[in-house]
Amino acid sequence: ILTAIIYPDSAIYANGETAEDIQKDLTAKVTALNKTLPSFKQIKKVELRETEFVKTTSKKTKRNLVQ
């Protein structure tokens, strides 16, 4: 299952939204994006992270550590 693992930007969601509100907003955005993509590229699940991704010294995400 193609899953989007998202760490929400605190600048965008700084108005005291709950995790449920953020989840609904991001799911709506993913649904809109999926309408433009072929079925094999569509995101089926959205997961929120509470901690930032582990990064290298050059600020790239260490993909093998994303869970």
N, C-alpha and C. Protein backbone atom coordinates (compact mmCIF):
# COMPACT_ATOMS: atom_id res chain seq x y z
N ILE A 1 0.86 -1.17 0.00
CA ILE A 1 0.00 0.00 0.00
C ILE A 1 0.90 1.23 0.00
N LEU A 2 0.66 2.12 -0.93
CA LEU A 2 1.42 3.36 -1.00
C LEU A 2 0.93 4.28 0.11
N THR A 3 1.84 4.61 1.03
CA THR A 3 1.50 5.40 2.20
C THR A 3 2.34 6.67 2.25
N ALA A 4 1.69 7.79 2.53
CA ALA A 4 2.40 9.05 2.72
C ALA A 4 2.60 9.23 4.23
N ILE A 5 3.86 9.33 4.63
CA ILE A 5 4.19 9.58 6.03
C ILE A 5 4.57 11.05 6.12
N ILE A 6 3.80 11.82 6.88
CA ILE A 6 3.92 13.27 6.86
C ILE A 6 4.22 13.81 8.25
N TYR A 7 5.21 14.69 8.30
CA TYR A 7 5.47 15.48 9.50
C TYR A 7 4.95 16.88 9.19
N PRO A 8 3.80 17.27 9.75
CA PRO A 8 3.19 18.56 9.39
C PRO A 8 4.06 19.75 9.75
N ASP A 9 4.04 20.76 8.89
CA ASP A 9 4.79 22.00 9.10
C ASP A 9 4.11 22.79 10.21
N SER A 10 4.86 23.09 11.26
CA SER A 10 4.29 23.79 12.41
C SER A 10 3.89 25.23 12.06
N ALA A 11 4.48 25.81 11.03
CA ALA A 11 4.11 27.16 10.62
C ALA A 11 2.72 27.18 9.99
N ILE A 12 2.35 26.12 9.30
CA ILE A 12 1.04 26.06 8.65
C ILE A 12 -0.05 25.72 9.67
N TYR A 13 0.26 24.80 10.57
CA TYR A 13 -0.73 24.34 11.55
C TYR A 13 -0.39 24.89 12.94
N ALA A 14 -0.26 26.19 13.06
CA ALA A 14 0.11 26.82 14.33
C ALA A 14 -1.09 27.41 15.06
N ASN A 15 -2.30 27.23 14.53
CA ASN A 15 -3.49 27.84 15.12
C ASN A 15 -4.20 26.93 16.12
N GLY A 16 -3.50 25.93 16.62
CA GLY A 16 -4.09 25.07 17.64
C GLY A 16 -4.97 23.97 17.09
N GLU A 17 -4.76 23.58 15.83
CA GLU A 17 -5.53 22.47 15.27
C GLU A 17 -5.14 21.17 15.98
N THR A 18 -6.10 20.30 16.11
CA THR A 18 -5.83 18.99 16.70
C THR A 18 -5.26 18.08 15.63
N ALA A 19 -4.73 16.96 16.07
CA ALA A 19 -4.18 15.98 15.13
C ALA A 19 -5.27 15.48 14.18
N GLU A 20 -6.48 15.38 14.69
CA GLU A 20 -7.60 14.93 13.85
C GLU A 20 -7.90 15.95 12.76
N ASP A 21 -7.87 17.24 13.08
CA ASP A 21 -8.11 18.29 12.09
C ASP A 21 -7.02 18.29 11.02
N ILE A 22 -5.78 18.11 11.45
CA ILE A 22 -4.66 18.07 10.51
C ILE A 22 -4.78 16.85 9.60
N GLN A 23 -5.15 15.71 10.19
CA GLN A 23 -5.33 14.48 9.41
C GLN A 23 -6.40 14.67 8.34
N LYS A 24 -7.53 15.29 8.70
CA LYS A 24 -8.61 15.52 7.74
C LYS A 24 -8.15 16.45 6.62
N ASP A 25 -7.43 17.51 6.97
CA ASP A 25 -6.94 18.46 5.98
C ASP A 25 -5.98 17.79 5.00
N LEU A 26 -5.03 17.04 5.52
CA LEU A 26 -4.05 16.38 4.66
C LEU A 26 -4.69 15.29 3.81
N THR A 27 -5.65 14.57 4.37
CA THR A 27 -6.36 13.55 3.60
C THR A 27 -7.13 14.19 2.44
N ALA A 28 -7.74 15.34 2.68
CA ALA A 28 -8.45 16.05 1.62
C ALA A 28 -7.49 16.49 0.52
N LYS A 29 -6.31 16.97 0.91
CA LYS A 29 -5.31 17.38 -0.08
C LYS A 29 -4.79 16.19 -0.89
N VAL A 30 -4.60 15.05 -0.23
CA VAL A 30 -4.14 13.85 -0.92
C VAL A 30 -5.22 13.35 -1.87
N THR A 31 -6.47 13.41 -1.46
CA THR A 31 -7.57 12.99 -2.32
C THR A 31 -7.63 13.85 -3.58
N ALA A 32 -7.44 15.15 -3.42
CA ALA A 32 -7.42 16.04 -4.58
C ALA A 32 -6.25 15.71 -5.50
N LEU A 33 -5.10 15.41 -4.93
CA LEU A 33 -3.93 15.04 -5.73
C LEU A 33 -4.17 13.72 -6.45
N ASN A 34 -4.79 12.75 -5.77
CA ASN A 34 -5.03 11.44 -6.37
C ASN A 34 -5.91 11.52 -7.62
N LYS A 35 -6.76 12.52 -7.71
CA LYS A 35 -7.62 12.67 -8.89
C LYS A 35 -6.81 12.97 -10.14
N THR A 36 -5.59 13.49 -9.97
CA THR A 36 -4.75 13.83 -11.12
C THR A 36 -3.75 12.73 -11.46
N LEU A 37 -3.68 11.69 -10.63
CA LEU A 37 -2.69 10.63 -10.81
C LEU A 37 -3.33 9.35 -11.33
N PRO A 38 -2.56 8.54 -12.08
CA PRO A 38 -3.06 7.22 -12.47
C PRO A 38 -3.21 6.34 -11.23
N SER A 39 -4.02 5.31 -11.31
CA SER A 39 -4.36 4.50 -10.14
C SER A 39 -3.15 3.84 -9.48
N PHE A 40 -2.12 3.48 -10.24
CA PHE A 40 -0.97 2.81 -9.63
C PHE A 40 -0.06 3.78 -8.89
N LYS A 41 -0.25 5.09 -9.04
CA LYS A 41 0.55 6.08 -8.33
C LYS A 41 -0.21 6.75 -7.19
N GLN A 42 -1.46 6.39 -6.99
CA GLN A 42 -2.28 7.06 -5.99
C GLN A 42 -1.90 6.64 -4.57
N ILE A 43 -1.94 7.61 -3.66
CA ILE A 43 -1.63 7.39 -2.25
C ILE A 43 -2.88 6.81 -1.59
N LYS A 44 -2.73 5.69 -0.95
CA LYS A 44 -3.87 5.00 -0.34
C LYS A 44 -4.05 5.30 1.14
N LYS A 45 -2.96 5.70 1.81
CA LYS A 45 -3.03 5.89 3.26
C LYS A 45 -2.15 7.08 3.64
N VAL A 46 -2.59 7.84 4.64
CA VAL A 46 -1.84 8.99 5.14
C VAL A 46 -1.57 8.77 6.63
N GLU A 47 -0.28 8.87 7.01
CA GLU A 47 0.10 8.73 8.41
C GLU A 47 0.80 10.01 8.85
N LEU A 48 0.49 10.46 10.06
CA LEU A 48 1.15 11.64 10.62
C LEU A 48 2.25 11.21 11.58
N ARG A 49 3.35 11.97 11.56
CA ARG A 49 4.45 11.76 12.50
C ARG A 49 4.42 12.89 13.51
N GLU A 50 4.76 12.58 14.73
CA GLU A 50 4.85 13.60 15.77
C GLU A 50 6.28 14.11 15.92
N THR A 51 7.24 13.36 15.39
CA THR A 51 8.64 13.78 15.44
C THR A 51 9.16 13.99 14.03
N GLU A 52 10.15 14.84 13.93
CA GLU A 52 10.73 15.13 12.62
C GLU A 52 11.54 13.93 12.13
N PHE A 53 11.71 13.83 10.82
CA PHE A 53 12.48 12.75 10.23
C PHE A 53 13.96 12.90 10.58
N VAL A 54 14.67 11.77 10.67
CA VAL A 54 16.11 11.78 10.90
C VAL A 54 16.77 12.26 9.62
N LYS A 55 17.72 13.19 9.76
CA LYS A 55 18.36 13.79 8.59
C LYS A 55 19.86 13.58 8.61
N THR A 56 20.45 13.65 7.41
CA THR A 56 21.89 13.60 7.28
C THR A 56 22.46 14.99 7.54
N THR A 57 23.77 15.11 7.49
CA THR A 57 24.39 16.42 7.69
C THR A 57 24.05 17.39 6.57
N SER A 58 23.67 16.88 5.41
CA SER A 58 23.28 17.74 4.30
C SER A 58 21.76 17.96 4.24
N LYS A 59 21.06 17.66 5.35
CA LYS A 59 19.63 17.91 5.54
C LYS A 59 18.72 17.06 4.65
N LYS A 60 19.21 15.90 4.24
CA LYS A 60 18.39 14.96 3.47
C LYS A 60 17.80 13.93 4.44
N THR A 61 16.59 13.48 4.16
CA THR A 61 15.95 12.49 5.02
C THR A 61 16.61 11.13 4.83
N LYS A 62 16.91 10.46 5.94
CA LYS A 62 17.45 9.11 5.88
C LYS A 62 16.27 8.16 5.67
N ARG A 63 16.02 7.80 4.44
CA ARG A 63 14.83 7.02 4.08
C ARG A 63 14.81 5.63 4.70
N ASN A 64 15.97 5.03 4.90
CA ASN A 64 15.99 3.69 5.48
C ASN A 64 15.58 3.69 6.95
N LEU A 65 15.53 4.87 7.59
CA LEU A 65 15.14 4.95 9.00
C LEU A 65 13.68 5.40 9.18
N VAL A 66 12.98 5.67 8.09
CA VAL A 66 11.58 6.10 8.17
C VAL A 66 10.71 4.88 8.44
N GLN A 67 9.91 4.98 9.50
CA GLN A 67 9.02 3.89 9.85
C GLN A 67 7.66 4.41 10.20
